PDB file of N, CA and C in Angstrom:
ATOM      1  N   MET A   1       0.906  -1.078   0.025  1.00  0.00           N
ATOM      2  CA  MET A   1       0.322   0.005   0.103  1.00  0.00           C
ATOM      3  C   MET A   1       0.936   1.219   0.049  1.00  0.00           C
ATOM      4  N   ASN A   2       0.360   2.267  -1.122  1.00  0.00           N
ATOM      5  CA  ASN A   2       1.389   3.603  -0.793  1.00  0.00           C
ATOM      6  C   ASN A   2       0.892   4.623   0.103  1.00  0.00           C
ATOM      7  N   ARG A   3       1.292   5.519   0.370  1.00  0.00           N
ATOM      8  CA  ARG A   3       1.199   6.666   1.304  1.00  0.00           C
ATOM      9  C   ARG A   3      -0.218   7.189   1.205  1.00  0.00           C
ATOM     10  N   ASP A   4      -0.670   7.553  -0.013  1.00  0.00           N
ATOM     11  CA  ASP A   4      -1.733   7.821  -0.091  1.00  0.00           C
ATOM     12  C   ASP A   4      -2.626   6.935   0.163  1.00  0.00           C
ATOM     13  N   GLU A   5      -2.920   5.517  -0.151  1.00  0.00           N
ATOM     14  CA  GLU A   5      -3.540   4.875   0.419  1.00  0.00           C
ATOM     15  C   GLU A   5      -3.885   4.483   1.431  1.00  0.00           C
ATOM     16  N   LEU A   6      -2.566   4.632   2.286  1.00  0.00           N
ATOM     17  CA  LEU A   6      -2.625   4.332   3.603  1.00  0.00           C
ATOM     18  C   LEU A   6      -3.218   5.364   4.445  1.00  0.00           C
ATOM     19  N   LEU A   7      -3.028   6.758   3.878  1.00  0.00           N
ATOM     20  CA  LEU A   7      -3.530   7.825   4.556  1.00  0.00           C
ATOM     21  C   LEU A   7      -5.039   7.991   4.265  1.00  0.00           C
ATOM     22  N   SER A   8      -5.566   7.267   3.263  1.00  0.00           N
ATOM     23  CA  SER A   8      -7.155   7.433   2.804  1.00  0.00           C
ATOM     24  C   SER A   8      -7.914   6.295   3.953  1.00  0.00           C
ATOM     25  N   ARG A   9      -7.092   5.773   4.713  1.00  0.00           N
ATOM     26  CA  ARG A   9      -8.090   4.907   5.794  1.00  0.00           C
ATOM     27  C   ARG A   9      -8.067   6.152   7.131  1.00  0.00           C
ATOM     28  N   ILE A  10      -7.541   7.316   6.955  1.00  0.00           N
ATOM     29  CA  ILE A  10      -7.602   8.172   8.143  1.00  0.00           C
ATOM     30  C   ILE A  10      -8.859   9.135   7.799  1.00  0.00           C
ATOM     31  N   THR A  11     -10.054   9.458   8.803  1.00  0.00           N
ATOM     32  CA  THR A  11     -10.768  10.388   8.452  1.00  0.00           C
ATOM     33  C   THR A  11     -11.039  11.532  10.072  1.00  0.00           C
ATOM     34  N   ILE A  12     -11.242  12.485   9.218  1.00  0.00           N
ATOM     35  CA  ILE A  12     -11.367  13.579  10.358  1.00  0.00           C
ATOM     36  C   ILE A  12     -12.977  14.055  10.105  1.00  0.00           C
ATOM     37  N   ASN A  13     -14.108  13.993  10.777  1.00  0.00           N
ATOM     38  CA  ASN A  13     -15.255  14.425  10.920  1.00  0.00           C
ATOM     39  C   ASN A  13     -15.452  15.322  12.348  1.00  0.00           C
ATOM     40  N   PRO A  14     -15.857  16.646  12.101  1.00  0.00           N
ATOM     41  CA  PRO A  14     -16.258  17.157  13.189  1.00  0.00           C
ATOM     42  C   PRO A  14     -16.963  16.936  14.306  1.00  0.00           C
ATOM     43  N   LYS A  15     -18.027  16.249  13.997  1.00  0.00           N
ATOM     44  CA  LYS A  15     -18.933  15.500  14.725  1.00  0.00           C
ATOM     45  C   LYS A  15     -18.686  14.053  15.250  1.00  0.00           C
ATOM     46  N   VAL A  16     -17.399  13.640  14.855  1.00  0.00           N
ATOM     47  CA  VAL A  16     -17.027  12.055  15.700  1.00  0.00           C
ATOM     48  C   VAL A  16     -15.788  12.496  16.251  1.00  0.00           C
ATOM     49  N   CYS A  17     -15.902  11.753  17.624  1.00  0.00           N
ATOM     50  CA  CYS A  17     -14.519  11.976  18.659  1.00  0.00           C
ATOM     51  C   CYS A  17     -13.996  13.550  18.520  1.00  0.00           C
ATOM     52  N   PHE A  18     -14.773  14.775  18.458  1.00  0.00           N
ATOM     53  CA  PHE A  18     -14.146  16.115  18.643  1.00  0.00           C
ATOM     54  C   PHE A  18     -13.374  16.375  17.423  1.00  0.00           C
ATOM     55  N   GLY A  19     -13.446  15.688  16.403  1.00  0.00           N
ATOM     56  CA  GLY A  19     -12.845  16.278  15.241  1.00  0.00           C
ATOM     57  C   GLY A  19     -11.515  15.496  15.264  1.00  0.00           C
ATOM     58  N   LYS A  20     -11.122  14.739  16.055  1.00  0.00           N
ATOM     59  CA  LYS A  20      -9.770  14.145  15.940  1.00  0.00           C
ATOM     60  C   LYS A  20      -9.689  13.338  14.782  1.00  0.00           C
ATOM     61  N   PRO A  21      -8.202  13.047  14.224  1.00  0.00           N
ATOM     62  CA  PRO A  21      -8.290  12.219  13.357  1.00  0.00           C
ATOM     63  C   PRO A  21      -8.449  10.387  13.814  1.00  0.00           C
ATOM     64  N   CYS A  22      -9.293   9.906  13.115  1.00  0.00           N
ATOM     65  CA  CYS A  22      -9.664   8.496  13.599  1.00  0.00           C
ATOM     66  C   CYS A  22      -9.393   7.461  12.431  1.00  0.00           C
ATOM     67  N   ILE A  23      -9.558   6.359  12.358  1.00  0.00           N
ATOM     68  CA  ILE A  23      -9.226   5.305  11.682  1.00  0.00           C
ATOM     69  C   ILE A  23     -10.817   5.094  10.814  1.00  0.00           C
ATOM     70  N   ARG A  24     -10.738   5.406   9.602  1.00  0.00           N
ATOM     71  CA  ARG A  24     -11.952   5.397   9.094  1.00  0.00           C
ATOM     72  C   ARG A  24     -13.194   4.307   9.378  1.00  0.00           C
ATOM     73  N   GLY A  25     -14.101   4.702   9.599  1.00  0.00           N
ATOM     74  CA  GLY A  25     -15.322   3.741   9.968  1.00  0.00           C
ATOM     75  C   GLY A  25     -15.022   3.460  11.566  1.00  0.00           C
ATOM     76  N   HIS A  26     -14.404   3.885  11.881  1.00  0.00           N
ATOM     77  CA  HIS A  26     -14.041   3.534  13.628  1.00  0.00           C
ATOM     78  C   HIS A  26     -13.840   4.816  14.527  1.00  0.00           C
ATOM     79  N   ARG A  27     -14.327   4.687  15.922  1.00  0.00           N
ATOM     80  CA  ARG A  27     -13.987   5.781  16.803  1.00  0.00           C
ATOM     81  C   ARG A  27     -12.618   5.557  17.691  1.00  0.00           C
ATOM     82  N   ILE A  28     -11.631   5.134  16.709  1.00  0.00           N
ATOM     83  CA  ILE A  28     -10.287   5.219  17.194  1.00  0.00           C
ATOM     84  C   ILE A  28      -9.512   5.862  16.794  1.00  0.00           C
ATOM     85  N   TRP A  29      -8.740   6.556  17.822  1.00  0.00           N
ATOM     86  CA  TRP A  29      -7.938   7.873  17.574  1.00  0.00           C
ATOM     87  C   TRP A  29      -6.866   7.458  16.974  1.00  0.00           C
ATOM     88  N   VAL A  30      -6.108   8.049  15.946  1.00  0.00           N
ATOM     89  CA  VAL A  30      -4.836   7.756  15.290  1.00  0.00           C
ATOM     90  C   VAL A  30      -3.863   7.930  16.482  1.00  0.00           C
ATOM     91  N   SER A  31      -4.135   8.929  17.354  1.00  0.00           N
ATOM     92  CA  SER A  31      -2.989   9.353  18.727  1.00  0.00           C
ATOM     93  C   SER A  31      -3.292   8.178  19.436  1.00  0.00           C
ATOM     94  N   LEU A  32      -4.489   7.616  20.151  1.00  0.00           N
ATOM     95  CA  LEU A  32      -4.136   6.429  20.526  1.00  0.00           C
ATOM     96  C   LEU A  32      -3.730   5.068  20.075  1.00  0.00           C
ATOM     97  N   VAL A  33      -3.593   4.899  18.869  1.00  0.00           N
ATOM     98  CA  VAL A  33      -2.592   3.730  18.051  1.00  0.00           C
ATOM     99  C   VAL A  33      -1.404   4.348  18.347  1.00  0.00           C
ATOM    100  N   LEU A  34      -0.874   5.374  18.086  1.00  0.00           N
ATOM    101  CA  LEU A  34       0.481   5.415  18.299  1.00  0.00           C
ATOM    102  C   LEU A  34       0.927   5.925  19.749  1.00  0.00           C
ATOM    103  N   ASP A  35       0.077   6.377  20.814  1.00  0.00           N
ATOM    104  CA  ASP A  35       0.533   5.769  21.896  1.00  0.00           C
ATOM    105  C   ASP A  35       0.498   4.674  22.689  1.00  0.00           C
ATOM    106  N   LEU A  36      -0.182   3.490  22.106  1.00  0.00           N
ATOM    107  CA  LEU A  36       0.028   1.931  22.345  1.00  0.00           C
ATOM    108  C   LEU A  36       1.226   1.704  21.876  1.00  0.00           C
ATOM    109  N   LEU A  37       1.622   1.818  20.358  1.00  0.00           N
ATOM    110  CA  LEU A  37       3.072   1.649  19.787  1.00  0.00           C
ATOM    111  C   LEU A  37       3.708   2.359  20.514  1.00  0.00           C
ATOM    112  N   ALA A  38       4.097   3.698  21.175  1.00  0.00           N
ATOM    113  CA  ALA A  38       5.258   3.939  21.744  1.00  0.00           C
ATOM    114  C   ALA A  38       5.543   3.521  23.069  1.00  0.00           C
ATOM    115  N   SER A  39       4.194   3.109  23.655  1.00  0.00           N
ATOM    116  CA  SER A  39       4.474   2.451  24.910  1.00  0.00           C
ATOM    117  C   SER A  39       5.135   0.810  24.881  1.00  0.00           C
ATOM    118  N   GLY A  40       5.254   0.595  23.916  1.00  0.00           N
ATOM    119  CA  GLY A  40       5.989  -0.414  23.755  1.00  0.00           C
ATOM    120  C   GLY A  40       5.015  -1.891  23.096  1.00  0.00           C
ATOM    121  N   MET A  41       3.789  -1.520  23.006  1.00  0.00           N
ATOM    122  CA  MET A  41       3.089  -2.747  22.442  1.00  0.00           C
ATOM    123  C   MET A  41       3.364  -2.973  20.889  1.00  0.00           C
ATOM    124  N   THR A  42       3.293  -4.275  20.574  1.00  0.00           N
ATOM    125  CA  THR A  42       3.886  -4.556  19.199  1.00  0.00           C
ATOM    126  C   THR A  42       2.501  -4.372  18.486  1.00  0.00           C
ATOM    127  N   VAL A  43       2.680  -4.373  17.045  1.00  0.00           N
ATOM    128  CA  VAL A  43       1.483  -4.162  16.255  1.00  0.00           C
ATOM    129  C   VAL A  43       0.488  -5.565  16.521  1.00  0.00           C
ATOM    130  N   GLU A  44       1.058  -6.619  16.875  1.00  0.00           N
ATOM    131  CA  GLU A  44      -0.027  -7.491  17.126  1.00  0.00           C
ATOM    132  C   GLU A  44      -0.699  -7.457  18.283  1.00  0.00           C
ATOM    133  N   GLU A  45      -0.058  -6.946  19.286  1.00  0.00           N
ATOM    134  CA  GLU A  45      -0.929  -6.868  20.826  1.00  0.00           C
ATOM    135  C   GLU A  45      -2.035  -5.933  20.250  1.00  0.00           C
ATOM    136  N   VAL A  46      -1.679  -4.643  19.655  1.00  0.00           N
ATOM    137  CA  VAL A  46      -2.830  -3.819  19.496  1.00  0.00           C
ATOM    138  C   VAL A  46      -3.968  -4.327  18.419  1.00  0.00           C
ATOM    139  N   LEU A  47      -3.466  -5.129  17.597  1.00  0.00           N
ATOM    140  CA  LEU A  47      -4.640  -5.874  16.857  1.00  0.00           C
ATOM    141  C   LEU A  47      -5.133  -6.540  17.704  1.00  0.00           C
ATOM    142  N   GLU A  48      -4.629  -7.396  18.814  1.00  0.00           N
ATOM    143  CA  GLU A  48      -5.262  -8.380  19.473  1.00  0.00           C
ATOM    144  C   GLU A  48      -6.204  -7.550  20.593  1.00  0.00           C
ATOM    145  N   ASP A  49      -6.075  -6.490  20.790  1.00  0.00           N
ATOM    146  CA  ASP A  49      -6.699  -5.468  21.762  1.00  0.00           C
ATOM    147  C   ASP A  49      -7.633  -4.913  21.146  1.00  0.00           C
ATOM    148  N   TYR A  50      -7.662  -4.759  19.708  1.00  0.00           N
ATOM    149  CA  TYR A  50      -8.735  -3.637  18.882  1.00  0.00           C
ATOM    150  C   TYR A  50      -8.903  -4.780  17.748  1.00  0.00           C
ATOM    151  N   PRO A  51      -9.163  -5.670  17.716  1.00  0.00           N
ATOM    152  CA  PRO A  51      -9.682  -6.921  16.526  1.00  0.00           C
ATOM    153  C   PRO A  51     -10.339  -6.200  15.429  1.00  0.00           C
ATOM    154  N   VAL A  52     -11.095  -5.076  15.556  1.00  0.00           N
ATOM    155  CA  VAL A  52     -11.661  -4.198  14.507  1.00  0.00           C
ATOM    156  C   VAL A  52     -11.000  -3.708  13.753  1.00  0.00           C
ATOM    157  N   LEU A  53      -9.541  -3.683  13.958  1.00  0.00           N
ATOM    158  CA  LEU A  53      -8.411  -2.874  12.838  1.00  0.00           C
ATOM    159  C   LEU A  53      -7.508  -3.784  12.282  1.00  0.00           C
ATOM    160  N   SER A  54      -6.891  -3.439  11.164  1.00  0.00           N
ATOM    161  CA  SER A  54      -6.014  -4.205  10.342  1.00  0.00           C
ATOM    162  C   SER A  54      -4.657  -3.709  10.381  1.00  0.00           C
ATOM    163  N   ARG A  55      -3.964  -4.437  10.176  1.00  0.00           N
ATOM    164  CA  ARG A  55      -2.561  -4.360  10.324  1.00  0.00           C
ATOM    165  C   ARG A  55      -2.183  -2.593   9.295  1.00  0.00           C
ATOM    166  N   ASP A  56      -3.137  -2.780   8.124  1.00  0.00           N
ATOM    167  CA  ASP A  56      -2.911  -1.845   7.235  1.00  0.00           C
ATOM    168  C   ASP A  56      -3.572  -0.260   7.889  1.00  0.00           C
ATOM    169  N   ASP A  57      -4.376  -0.400   9.086  1.00  0.00           N
ATOM    170  CA  ASP A  57      -4.884   0.767   9.927  1.00  0.00           C
ATOM    171  C   ASP A  57      -3.562   1.163  10.519  1.00  0.00           C
ATOM    172  N   ILE A  58      -3.011   0.075  11.253  1.00  0.00           N
ATOM    173  CA  ILE A  58      -2.098   0.757  12.160  1.00  0.00           C
ATOM    174  C   ILE A  58      -0.996   1.515  11.448  1.00  0.00           C
ATOM    175  N   LEU A  59      -0.763   0.617   9.872  1.00  0.00           N
ATOM    176  CA  LEU A  59       0.467   1.707   9.055  1.00  0.00           C
ATOM    177  C   LEU A  59      -0.269   2.938   8.766  1.00  0.00           C
ATOM    178  N   ALA A  60      -1.497   3.077   8.527  1.00  0.00           N
ATOM    179  CA  ALA A  60      -1.742   4.581   8.258  1.00  0.00           C
ATOM    180  C   ALA A  60      -1.726   5.057   9.666  1.00  0.00           C
ATOM    181  N   CYS A  61      -1.968   4.909  10.636  1.00  0.00           N
ATOM    182  CA  CYS A  61      -1.478   5.624  11.799  1.00  0.00           C
ATOM    183  C   CYS A  61       0.003   6.047  11.979  1.00  0.00           C
ATOM    184  N   ILE A  62       1.230   5.411  11.853  1.00  0.00           N
ATOM    185  CA  ILE A  62       2.460   5.507  11.750  1.00  0.00           C
ATOM    186  C   ILE A  62       2.233   6.588  10.366  1.00  0.00           C
ATOM    187  N   ALA A  63       2.001   6.133   9.137  1.00  0.00           N
ATOM    188  CA  ALA A  63       2.246   7.091   8.039  1.00  0.00           C
ATOM    189  C   ALA A  63       1.638   8.620   8.422  1.00  0.00           C
ATOM    190  N   TYR A  64       0.259   8.572   8.934  1.00  0.00           N
ATOM    191  CA  TYR A  64      -0.021   9.947   9.472  1.00  0.00           C
ATOM    192  C   TYR A  64       0.534  10.515  10.383  1.00  0.00           C
ATOM    193  N   GLY A  65       1.189  10.107  11.760  1.00  0.00           N
ATOM    194  CA  GLY A  65       2.286  10.640  12.493  1.00  0.00           C
ATOM    195  C   GLY A  65       3.107  11.042  11.750  1.00  0.00           C
ATOM    196  N   ALA A  66       4.027  10.264  10.640  1.00  0.00           N
ATOM    197  CA  ALA A  66       5.217  10.664  10.138  1.00  0.00           C
ATOM    198  C   ALA A  66       5.023  11.825   9.293  1.00  0.00           C
ATOM    199  N   GLU A  67       4.119  11.992   8.735  1.00  0.00           N
ATOM    200  CA  GLU A  67       3.595  13.260   8.044  1.00  0.00           C
ATOM    201  C   GLU A  67       3.620  14.414   9.073  1.00  0.00           C
ATOM    202  N   MET A  68       2.600  14.151   9.797  1.00  0.00           N
ATOM    203  CA  MET A  68       2.817  15.544  11.064  1.00  0.00           C
ATOM    204  C   MET A  68       4.202  16.038  11.134  1.00  0.00           C
ATOM    205  N   SER A  69       4.987  14.667  11.579  1.00  0.00           N
ATOM    206  CA  SER A  69       6.400  15.054  12.006  1.00  0.00           C
ATOM    207  C   SER A  69       7.238  15.793  11.241  1.00  0.00           C
ATOM    208  N   ARG A  70       6.743  15.792   9.796  1.00  0.00           N
ATOM    209  CA  ARG A  70       7.366  16.706   8.842  1.00  0.00           C
ATOM    210  C   ARG A  70       6.964  18.029   8.593  1.00  0.00           C
ATOM    211  N   GLU A  71       6.072  18.194   9.949  1.00  0.00           N
ATOM    212  CA  GLU A  71       5.506  19.535   9.819  1.00  0.00           C
ATOM    213  C   GLU A  71       4.366  19.829   8.287  1.00  0.00           C
ATOM    214  N   ARG A  72       4.294  18.701   7.792  1.00  0.00           N
ATOM    215  CA  ARG A  72       3.515  19.025   6.488  1.00  0.00           C
ATOM    216  C   ARG A  72       2.076  18.853   6.807  1.00  0.00           C
ATOM    217  N   TYR A  73       1.439  19.627   5.947  1.00  0.00           N
ATOM    218  CA  TYR A  73      -0.365  19.559   5.959  1.00  0.00           C
ATOM    219  C   TYR A  73      -0.693  18.396   5.254  1.00  0.00           C
ATOM    220  N   VAL A  74      -1.272  17.516   6.012  1.00  0.00           N
ATOM    221  CA  VAL A  74      -1.967  16.399   5.246  1.00  0.00           C
ATOM    222  C   VAL A  74      -3.509  16.567   5.468  1.00  0.00           C
ATOM    223  N   GLU A  75      -4.084  16.884   3.938  1.00  0.00           N
ATOM    224  CA  GLU A  75      -4.997  16.919   3.501  1.00  0.00           C
ATOM    225  C   GLU A  75      -5.742  15.692   3.789  1.00  0.00           C
ATOM    226  N   ILE A  76      -7.032  15.592   4.639  1.00  0.00           N
ATOM    227  CA  ILE A  76      -8.037  14.580   5.076  1.00  0.00           C
ATOM    228  C   ILE A  76      -9.186  15.121   5.045  1.00  0.00           C
ATOM    229  N   PRO A  77      -9.817  14.683   4.164  1.00  0.00           N
ATOM    230  CA  PRO A  77     -11.271  15.500   3.778  1.00  0.00           C
ATOM    231  C   PRO A  77     -12.206  15.245   4.847  1.00  0.00           C
ATOM    232  N   VAL A  78     -12.682  16.002   5.164  1.00  0.00           N
ATOM    233  CA  VAL A  78     -13.575  16.309   6.447  1.00  0.00           C
ATOM    234  C   VAL A  78     -15.219  16.039   6.145  1.00  0.00           C
ATOM    235  N   GLU A  79     -15.623  14.944   6.981  1.00  0.00           N
ATOM    236  CA  GLU A  79     -16.929  14.280   6.506  1.00  0.00           C
ATOM    237  C   GLU A  79     -17.933  14.883   7.183  1.00  0.00           C
ATOM    238  N   THR A  80     -18.999  15.253   6.276  1.00  0.00           N
ATOM    239  CA  THR A  80     -20.057  15.861   7.033  1.00  0.00           C
ATOM    240  C   THR A  80     -21.250  15.134   7.255  1.00  0.00           C
ATOM    241  N   SER A  81     -21.174  13.925   7.132  1.00  0.00           N
ATOM    242  CA  SER A  81     -22.443  12.676   7.230  1.00  0.00           C
ATOM    243  C   SER A  81     -22.032  11.826   8.583  1.00  0.00           C
ATOM    244  N   ARG A  82     -23.182  11.432   9.102  1.00  0.00           N
ATOM    245  CA  ARG A  82     -23.338  10.367   9.959  1.00  0.00           C
ATOM    246  C   ARG A  82     -24.320  10.401  10.645  1.00  0.00           C
TER     247      ARG A  82
END
């Protein structure tokens, strides 16, 4: 999966989770996944605790974090429905 495909798995909706970046279709914050990985959890452990996620969802969170660390603007379309 390329960078754009990974980033398409991230969504921002002002009406969901206070507008924080989440994994598309879920109310799981990107920052939560990154915090779990930073605390030492493995990808497999995160997937075990959050079985609705896929490995690509985890990679999408990492890709989003990498882009943010470069101080780049990542355009994530804001959802208006739900």
